[in-house]
């Protein structure tokens, strides 16, 4: 019998914004910009299509997208 995939189960959990923020910022590569509550709220407002069915965050649906968006967003602030 195949054992449950705990990483997959963890990544599919529906998270609140504070829980996603905490989990997202864990184990980021050195020098990678950290997310903040304000930045995640902006991401959600800008990318409403990713939140069409529910307001919850999950690592499998949102982490990669935030990682792609965040560096460019932070560079805009520095300019």
PDB file of N, CA and C in Angstrom:
ATOM      1  N   UNK A   1       0.838  -1.183   0.000  1.00  0.00           N
ATOM      2  CA  UNK A   1       0.000   0.000   0.000  1.00  0.00           C
ATOM      3  C   UNK A   1       0.884   1.247   0.000  1.00  0.00           C
ATOM      4  N   UNK A   2       0.532   2.195  -0.817  1.00  0.00           N
ATOM      5  CA  UNK A   2       1.303   3.429  -0.955  1.00  0.00           C
ATOM      6  C   UNK A   2       1.013   4.362   0.224  1.00  0.00           C
ATOM      7  N   UNK A   3       2.077   4.896   0.808  1.00  0.00           N
ATOM      8  CA  UNK A   3       1.892   5.816   1.930  1.00  0.00           C
ATOM      9  C   UNK A   3       1.460   7.184   1.413  1.00  0.00           C
ATOM     10  N   UNK A   4       0.760   7.937   2.236  1.00  0.00           N
ATOM     11  CA  UNK A   4       0.273   9.263   1.795  1.00  0.00           C
ATOM     12  C   UNK A   4       1.433  10.218   1.521  1.00  0.00           C
ATOM     13  N   UNK A   5       1.252  11.050   0.529  1.00  0.00           N
ATOM     14  CA  UNK A   5       2.248  12.062   0.169  1.00  0.00           C
ATOM     15  C   UNK A   5       2.019  13.287   1.060  1.00  0.00           C
ATOM     16  N   UNK A   6       2.803  13.384   2.122  1.00  0.00           N
ATOM     17  CA  UNK A   6       2.609  14.461   3.100  1.00  0.00           C
ATOM     18  C   UNK A   6       2.934  15.829   2.530  1.00  0.00           C
ATOM     19  N   UNK A   7       3.943  15.921   1.649  1.00  0.00           N
ATOM     20  CA  UNK A   7       4.266  17.214   1.030  1.00  0.00           C
ATOM     21  C   UNK A   7       3.110  17.699   0.166  1.00  0.00           C
ATOM     22  N   UNK A   8       2.521  16.792  -0.585  1.00  0.00           N
ATOM     23  CA  UNK A   8       1.398  17.184  -1.441  1.00  0.00           C
ATOM     24  C   UNK A   8       0.209  17.624  -0.591  1.00  0.00           C
ATOM     25  N   UNK A   9      -0.078  16.860   0.451  1.00  0.00           N
ATOM     26  CA  UNK A   9      -1.191  17.218   1.333  1.00  0.00           C
ATOM     27  C   UNK A   9      -0.953  18.592   1.956  1.00  0.00           C
ATOM     28  N   UNK A  10       0.275  18.868   2.370  1.00  0.00           N
ATOM     29  CA  UNK A  10       0.621  20.169   2.959  1.00  0.00           C
ATOM     30  C   UNK A  10       0.440  21.289   1.946  1.00  0.00           C
ATOM     31  N   UNK A  11       0.845  21.050   0.711  1.00  0.00           N
ATOM     32  CA  UNK A  11       0.780  22.106  -0.292  1.00  0.00           C
ATOM     33  C   UNK A  11      -0.645  22.388  -0.760  1.00  0.00           C
ATOM     34  N   UNK A  12      -1.546  21.438  -0.585  1.00  0.00           N
ATOM     35  CA  UNK A  12      -2.929  21.625  -1.026  1.00  0.00           C
ATOM     36  C   UNK A  12      -3.845  22.177   0.064  1.00  0.00           C
ATOM     37  N   UNK A  13      -3.335  22.330   1.273  1.00  0.00           N
ATOM     38  CA  UNK A  13      -4.150  22.865   2.359  1.00  0.00           C
ATOM     39  C   UNK A  13      -4.597  24.291   2.062  1.00  0.00           C
ATOM     40  N   UNK A  14      -5.822  24.606   2.422  1.00  0.00           N
ATOM     41  CA  UNK A  14      -6.301  25.987   2.340  1.00  0.00           C
ATOM     42  C   UNK A  14      -5.782  26.733   3.557  1.00  0.00           C
ATOM     43  N   UNK A  15      -5.137  27.865   3.303  1.00  0.00           N
ATOM     44  CA  UNK A  15      -4.496  28.629   4.370  1.00  0.00           C
ATOM     45  C   UNK A  15      -5.074  30.034   4.452  1.00  0.00           C
ATOM     46  N   UNK A  16      -5.047  30.581   5.642  1.00  0.00           N
ATOM     47  CA  UNK A  16      -5.378  31.990   5.809  1.00  0.00           C
ATOM     48  C   UNK A  16      -4.192  32.808   5.295  1.00  0.00           C
ATOM     49  N   UNK A  17      -4.393  34.075   5.101  1.00  0.00           N
ATOM     50  CA  UNK A  17      -3.301  34.943   4.651  1.00  0.00           C
ATOM     51  C   UNK A  17      -2.102  34.894   5.602  1.00  0.00           C
ATOM     52  N   UNK A  18      -2.292  35.028   6.929  1.00  0.00           N
ATOM     53  CA  UNK A  18      -1.129  34.965   7.832  1.00  0.00           C
ATOM     54  C   UNK A  18      -0.411  33.608   7.786  1.00  0.00           C
ATOM     55  N   UNK A  19      -1.166  32.520   7.663  1.00  0.00           N
ATOM     56  CA  UNK A  19      -0.545  31.191   7.598  1.00  0.00           C
ATOM     57  C   UNK A  19       0.223  31.027   6.290  1.00  0.00           C
ATOM     58  N   UNK A  20      -0.342  31.505   5.171  1.00  0.00           N
ATOM     59  CA  UNK A  20       0.361  31.424   3.889  1.00  0.00           C
ATOM     60  C   UNK A  20       1.634  32.266   3.945  1.00  0.00           C
ATOM     61  N   UNK A  21       1.546  33.449   4.505  1.00  0.00           N
ATOM     62  CA  UNK A  21       2.708  34.332   4.611  1.00  0.00           C
ATOM     63  C   UNK A  21       3.841  33.648   5.369  1.00  0.00           C
ATOM     64  N   UNK A  22       3.519  33.052   6.503  1.00  0.00           N
ATOM     65  CA  UNK A  22       4.520  32.347   7.310  1.00  0.00           C
ATOM     66  C   UNK A  22       5.141  31.195   6.521  1.00  0.00           C
ATOM     67  N   UNK A  23       4.297  30.384   5.903  1.00  0.00           N
ATOM     68  CA  UNK A  23       4.760  29.217   5.163  1.00  0.00           C
ATOM     69  C   UNK A  23       5.534  29.627   3.921  1.00  0.00           C
ATOM     70  N   UNK A  24       5.057  30.650   3.215  1.00  0.00           N
ATOM     71  CA  UNK A  24       5.731  31.123   2.006  1.00  0.00           C
ATOM     72  C   UNK A  24       7.156  31.569   2.311  1.00  0.00           C
ATOM     73  N   UNK A  25       7.341  32.310   3.371  1.00  0.00           N
ATOM     74  CA  UNK A  25       8.652  32.877   3.689  1.00  0.00           C
ATOM     75  C   UNK A  25       9.639  31.866   4.258  1.00  0.00           C
ATOM     76  N   UNK A  26       9.185  30.666   4.587  1.00  0.00           N
ATOM     77  CA  UNK A  26      10.086  29.614   5.070  1.00  0.00           C
ATOM     78  C   UNK A  26      10.928  29.084   3.912  1.00  0.00           C
ATOM     79  N   UNK A  27      12.186  28.872   4.167  1.00  0.00           N
ATOM     80  CA  UNK A  27      13.087  28.194   3.222  1.00  0.00           C
ATOM     81  C   UNK A  27      13.213  28.873   1.861  1.00  0.00           C
ATOM     82  N   UNK A  28      13.110  30.189   1.817  1.00  0.00           N
ATOM     83  CA  UNK A  28      13.341  30.899   0.559  1.00  0.00           C
ATOM     84  C   UNK A  28      14.840  30.932   0.269  1.00  0.00           C
ATOM     85  N   UNK A  29      15.225  30.993  -0.995  1.00  0.00           N
ATOM     86  CA  UNK A  29      16.646  31.105  -1.319  1.00  0.00           C
ATOM     87  C   UNK A  29      17.241  32.382  -0.720  1.00  0.00           C
ATOM     88  N   UNK A  30      18.509  32.362  -0.370  1.00  0.00           N
ATOM     89  CA  UNK A  30      19.157  33.566   0.180  1.00  0.00           C
ATOM     90  C   UNK A  30      19.017  34.745  -0.783  1.00  0.00           C
ATOM     91  N   UNK A  31      18.692  35.896  -0.232  1.00  0.00           N
ATOM     92  CA  UNK A  31      18.571  37.102  -1.044  1.00  0.00           C
ATOM     93  C   UNK A  31      17.229  37.257  -1.736  1.00  0.00           C
ATOM     94  N   UNK A  32      16.359  36.246  -1.666  1.00  0.00           N
ATOM     95  CA  UNK A  32      15.058  36.340  -2.313  1.00  0.00           C
ATOM     96  C   UNK A  32      14.165  37.231  -1.471  1.00  0.00           C
ATOM     97  N   UNK A  33      13.395  38.138  -2.076  1.00  0.00           N
ATOM     98  CA  UNK A  33      12.568  39.056  -1.283  1.00  0.00           C
ATOM     99  C   UNK A  33      11.482  38.310  -0.509  1.00  0.00           C
ATOM    100  N   UNK A  34      11.307  38.706   0.728  1.00  0.00           N
ATOM    101  CA  UNK A  34      10.259  38.138   1.567  1.00  0.00           C
ATOM    102  C   UNK A  34       8.925  38.787   1.238  1.00  0.00           C
ATOM    103  N   UNK A  35       7.876  38.021   1.374  1.00  0.00           N
ATOM    104  CA  UNK A  35       6.529  38.559   1.192  1.00  0.00           C
ATOM    105  C   UNK A  35       6.105  39.265   2.475  1.00  0.00           C
ATOM    106  N   UNK A  36       5.209  40.201   2.324  1.00  0.00           N
ATOM    107  CA  UNK A  36       4.584  40.880   3.464  1.00  0.00           C
ATOM    108  C   UNK A  36       3.074  40.783   3.270  1.00  0.00           C
ATOM    109  N   UNK A  37       2.347  41.081   4.310  1.00  0.00           N
ATOM    110  CA  UNK A  37       0.889  41.075   4.213  1.00  0.00           C
ATOM    111  C   UNK A  37       0.424  42.054   3.141  1.00  0.00           C
ATOM    112  N   UNK A  38       1.025  43.223   3.113  1.00  0.00           N
ATOM    113  CA  UNK A  38       0.629  44.239   2.132  1.00  0.00           C
ATOM    114  C   UNK A  38       0.881  43.763   0.700  1.00  0.00           C
ATOM    115  N   UNK A  39       2.048  43.146   0.470  1.00  0.00           N
ATOM    116  CA  UNK A  39       2.357  42.649  -0.876  1.00  0.00           C
ATOM    117  C   UNK A  39       1.413  41.529  -1.289  1.00  0.00           C
ATOM    118  N   UNK A  40       1.078  40.643  -0.364  1.00  0.00           N
ATOM    119  CA  UNK A  40       0.157  39.559  -0.704  1.00  0.00           C
ATOM    120  C   UNK A  40      -1.247  40.086  -0.983  1.00  0.00           C
ATOM    121  N   UNK A  41      -1.651  41.098  -0.261  1.00  0.00           N
ATOM    122  CA  UNK A  41      -2.960  41.710  -0.550  1.00  0.00           C
ATOM    123  C   UNK A  41      -2.959  42.349  -1.938  1.00  0.00           C
ATOM    124  N   UNK A  42      -1.857  42.988  -2.297  1.00  0.00           N
ATOM    125  CA  UNK A  42      -1.737  43.568  -3.644  1.00  0.00           C
ATOM    126  C   UNK A  42      -1.762  42.474  -4.704  1.00  0.00           C
ATOM    127  N   UNK A  43      -1.036  41.386  -4.459  1.00  0.00           N
ATOM    128  CA  UNK A  43      -1.034  40.258  -5.399  1.00  0.00           C
ATOM    129  C   UNK A  43      -2.457  39.743  -5.600  1.00  0.00           C
ATOM    130  N   UNK A  44      -3.172  39.565  -4.512  1.00  0.00           N
ATOM    131  CA  UNK A  44      -4.539  39.042  -4.590  1.00  0.00           C
ATOM    132  C   UNK A  44      -5.453  39.990  -5.359  1.00  0.00           C
ATOM    133  N   UNK A  45      -5.303  41.287  -5.127  1.00  0.00           N
ATOM    134  CA  UNK A  45      -6.123  42.276  -5.826  1.00  0.00           C
ATOM    135  C   UNK A  45      -5.782  42.299  -7.324  1.00  0.00           C
ATOM    136  N   UNK A  46      -4.517  42.157  -7.638  1.00  0.00           N
ATOM    137  CA  UNK A  46      -4.054  42.196  -9.027  1.00  0.00           C
ATOM    138  C   UNK A  46      -4.379  40.914  -9.785  1.00  0.00           C
ATOM    139  N   UNK A  47      -4.381  39.794  -9.087  1.00  0.00           N
ATOM    140  CA  UNK A  47      -4.566  38.481  -9.721  1.00  0.00           C
ATOM    141  C   UNK A  47      -5.824  37.790  -9.194  1.00  0.00           C
ATOM    142  N   UNK A  48      -6.950  38.445  -9.335  1.00  0.00           N
ATOM    143  CA  UNK A  48      -8.205  37.899  -8.812  1.00  0.00           C
ATOM    144  C   UNK A  48      -8.569  36.551  -9.418  1.00  0.00           C
ATOM    145  N   UNK A  49      -8.119  36.284 -10.623  1.00  0.00           N
ATOM    146  CA  UNK A  49      -8.450  35.013 -11.276  1.00  0.00           C
ATOM    147  C   UNK A  49      -7.918  33.813 -10.478  1.00  0.00           C
ATOM    148  N   UNK A  50      -6.848  33.973  -9.741  1.00  0.00           N
ATOM    149  CA  UNK A  50      -6.296  32.883  -8.935  1.00  0.00           C
ATOM    150  C   UNK A  50      -7.117  32.626  -7.677  1.00  0.00           C
ATOM    151  N   UNK A  51      -8.072  33.489  -7.392  1.00  0.00           N
ATOM    152  CA  UNK A  51      -8.883  33.379  -6.182  1.00  0.00           C
ATOM    153  C   UNK A  51     -10.371  33.306  -6.520  1.00  0.00           C
ATOM    154  N   UNK A  52     -10.695  32.889  -7.703  1.00  0.00           N
ATOM    155  CA  UNK A  52     -12.071  32.894  -8.192  1.00  0.00           C
ATOM    156  C   UNK A  52     -12.993  32.030  -7.322  1.00  0.00           C
ATOM    157  N   UNK A  53     -12.565  30.832  -6.981  1.00  0.00           N
ATOM    158  CA  UNK A  53     -13.443  29.903  -6.271  1.00  0.00           C
ATOM    159  C   UNK A  53     -13.523  30.152  -4.777  1.00  0.00           C
ATOM    160  N   UNK A  54     -12.434  30.637  -4.204  1.00  0.00           N
ATOM    161  CA  UNK A  54     -12.427  30.864  -2.762  1.00  0.00           C
ATOM    162  C   UNK A  54     -11.366  31.895  -2.414  1.00  0.00           C
ATOM    163  N   UNK A  55     -11.454  32.396  -1.217  1.00  0.00           N
ATOM    164  CA  UNK A  55     -10.522  33.433  -0.787  1.00  0.00           C
ATOM    165  C   UNK A  55      -9.256  32.863  -0.167  1.00  0.00           C
ATOM    166  N   UNK A  56      -9.218  31.561   0.070  1.00  0.00           N
ATOM    167  CA  UNK A  56      -8.086  30.949   0.756  1.00  0.00           C
ATOM    168  C   UNK A  56      -6.852  30.877  -0.144  1.00  0.00           C
ATOM    169  N   UNK A  57      -5.723  30.816   0.494  1.00  0.00           N
ATOM    170  CA  UNK A  57      -4.437  30.669  -0.175  1.00  0.00           C
ATOM    171  C   UNK A  57      -3.990  29.220  -0.053  1.00  0.00           C
ATOM    172  N   UNK A  58      -3.204  28.731  -1.002  1.00  0.00           N
ATOM    173  CA  UNK A  58      -2.585  27.413  -0.872  1.00  0.00           C
ATOM    174  C   UNK A  58      -1.230  27.456  -1.567  1.00  0.00           C
ATOM    175  N   UNK A  59      -0.315  26.656  -1.063  1.00  0.00           N
ATOM    176  CA  UNK A  59       1.029  26.641  -1.636  1.00  0.00           C
ATOM    177  C   UNK A  59       1.011  26.152  -3.077  1.00  0.00           C
ATOM    178  N   UNK A  60       0.224  25.131  -3.389  1.00  0.00           N
ATOM    179  CA  UNK A  60       0.243  24.586  -4.744  1.00  0.00           C
ATOM    180  C   UNK A  60      -0.310  25.552  -5.780  1.00  0.00           C
ATOM    181  N   UNK A  61      -1.275  26.385  -5.419  1.00  0.00           N
ATOM    182  CA  UNK A  61      -1.846  27.323  -6.390  1.00  0.00           C
ATOM    183  C   UNK A  61      -1.174  28.680  -6.404  1.00  0.00           C
ATOM    184  N   UNK A  62      -0.581  29.102  -5.296  1.00  0.00           N
ATOM    185  CA  UNK A  62      -0.140  30.486  -5.201  1.00  0.00           C
ATOM    186  C   UNK A  62       1.353  30.706  -5.003  1.00  0.00           C
ATOM    187  N   UNK A  63       2.077  29.777  -4.395  1.00  0.00           N
ATOM    188  CA  UNK A  63       3.477  30.053  -4.055  1.00  0.00           C
ATOM    189  C   UNK A  63       4.322  30.365  -5.292  1.00  0.00           C
ATOM    190  N   UNK A  64       4.269  29.538  -6.307  1.00  0.00           N
ATOM    191  CA  UNK A  64       5.078  29.752  -7.522  1.00  0.00           C
ATOM    192  C   UNK A  64       4.701  31.075  -8.184  1.00  0.00           C
ATOM    193  N   UNK A  65       3.421  31.367  -8.235  1.00  0.00           N
ATOM    194  CA  UNK A  65       2.974  32.619  -8.865  1.00  0.00           C
ATOM    195  C   UNK A  65       3.471  33.838  -8.094  1.00  0.00           C
ATOM    196  N   UNK A  66       3.420  33.771  -6.767  1.00  0.00           N
ATOM    197  CA  UNK A  66       3.930  34.869  -5.954  1.00  0.00           C
ATOM    198  C   UNK A  66       5.446  34.980  -6.138  1.00  0.00           C
ATOM    199  N   UNK A  67       6.138  33.850  -6.196  1.00  0.00           N
ATOM    200  CA  UNK A  67       7.599  33.872  -6.384  1.00  0.00           C
ATOM    201  C   UNK A  67       7.974  34.505  -7.727  1.00  0.00           C
ATOM    202  N   UNK A  68       7.172  34.295  -8.751  1.00  0.00           N
ATOM    203  CA  UNK A  68       7.436  34.905 -10.057  1.00  0.00           C
ATOM    204  C   UNK A  68       7.131  36.404 -10.039  1.00  0.00           C
ATOM    205  N   UNK A  69       6.096  36.798  -9.324  1.00  0.00           N
ATOM    206  CA  UNK A  69       5.633  38.179  -9.301  1.00  0.00           C
ATOM    207  C   UNK A  69       6.446  39.063  -8.359  1.00  0.00           C
ATOM    208  N   UNK A  70       6.824  38.547  -7.214  1.00  0.00           N
ATOM    209  CA  UNK A  70       7.413  39.348  -6.148  1.00  0.00           C
ATOM    210  C   UNK A  70       8.722  40.045  -6.517  1.00  0.00           C
ATOM    211  N   UNK A  71       9.702  39.376  -7.121  1.00  0.00           N
ATOM    212  CA  UNK A  71      10.953  40.087  -7.437  1.00  0.00           C
ATOM    213  C   UNK A  71      10.745  41.287  -8.369  1.00  0.00           C
ATOM    214  N   UNK A  72       9.912  41.114  -9.379  1.00  0.00           N
ATOM    215  CA  UNK A  72       9.650  42.232 -10.293  1.00  0.00           C
ATOM    216  C   UNK A  72       8.923  43.354  -9.563  1.00  0.00           C
ATOM    217  N   UNK A  73       8.017  43.005  -8.681  1.00  0.00           N
ATOM    218  CA  UNK A  73       7.266  44.000  -7.912  1.00  0.00           C
ATOM    219  C   UNK A  73       8.199  44.774  -6.982  1.00  0.00           C
ATOM    220  N   UNK A  74       9.126  44.076  -6.352  1.00  0.00           N
ATOM    221  CA  UNK A  74      10.071  44.728  -5.431  1.00  0.00           C
ATOM    222  C   UNK A  74      11.059  45.618  -6.193  1.00  0.00           C
ATOM    223  N   UNK A  75      11.454  45.223  -7.385  1.00  0.00           N
ATOM    224  CA  UNK A  75      12.361  46.063  -8.194  1.00  0.00           C
ATOM    225  C   UNK A  75      11.670  47.365  -8.579  1.00  0.00           C
ATOM    226  N   UNK A  76      10.373  47.325  -8.844  1.00  0.00           N
ATOM    227  CA  UNK A  76       9.620  48.549  -9.171  1.00  0.00           C
ATOM    228  C   UNK A  76       9.688  49.532  -8.016  1.00  0.00           C
ATOM    229  N   UNK A  77       9.612  49.019  -6.798  1.00  0.00           N
ATOM    230  CA  UNK A  77       9.661  49.889  -5.619  1.00  0.00           C
ATOM    231  C   UNK A  77      11.032  50.521  -5.444  1.00  0.00           C
ATOM    232  N   UNK A  78      12.086  49.814  -5.869  1.00  0.00           N
ATOM    233  CA  UNK A  78      13.443  50.318  -5.706  1.00  0.00           C
ATOM    234  C   UNK A  78      13.776  51.398  -6.729  1.00  0.00           C
ATOM    235  N   UNK A  79      13.092  51.374  -7.867  1.00  0.00           N
ATOM    236  CA  UNK A  79      13.407  52.320  -8.940  1.00  0.00           C
ATOM    237  C   UNK A  79      12.926  53.711  -8.640  1.00  0.00           C
TER     238      UNK A  79
END
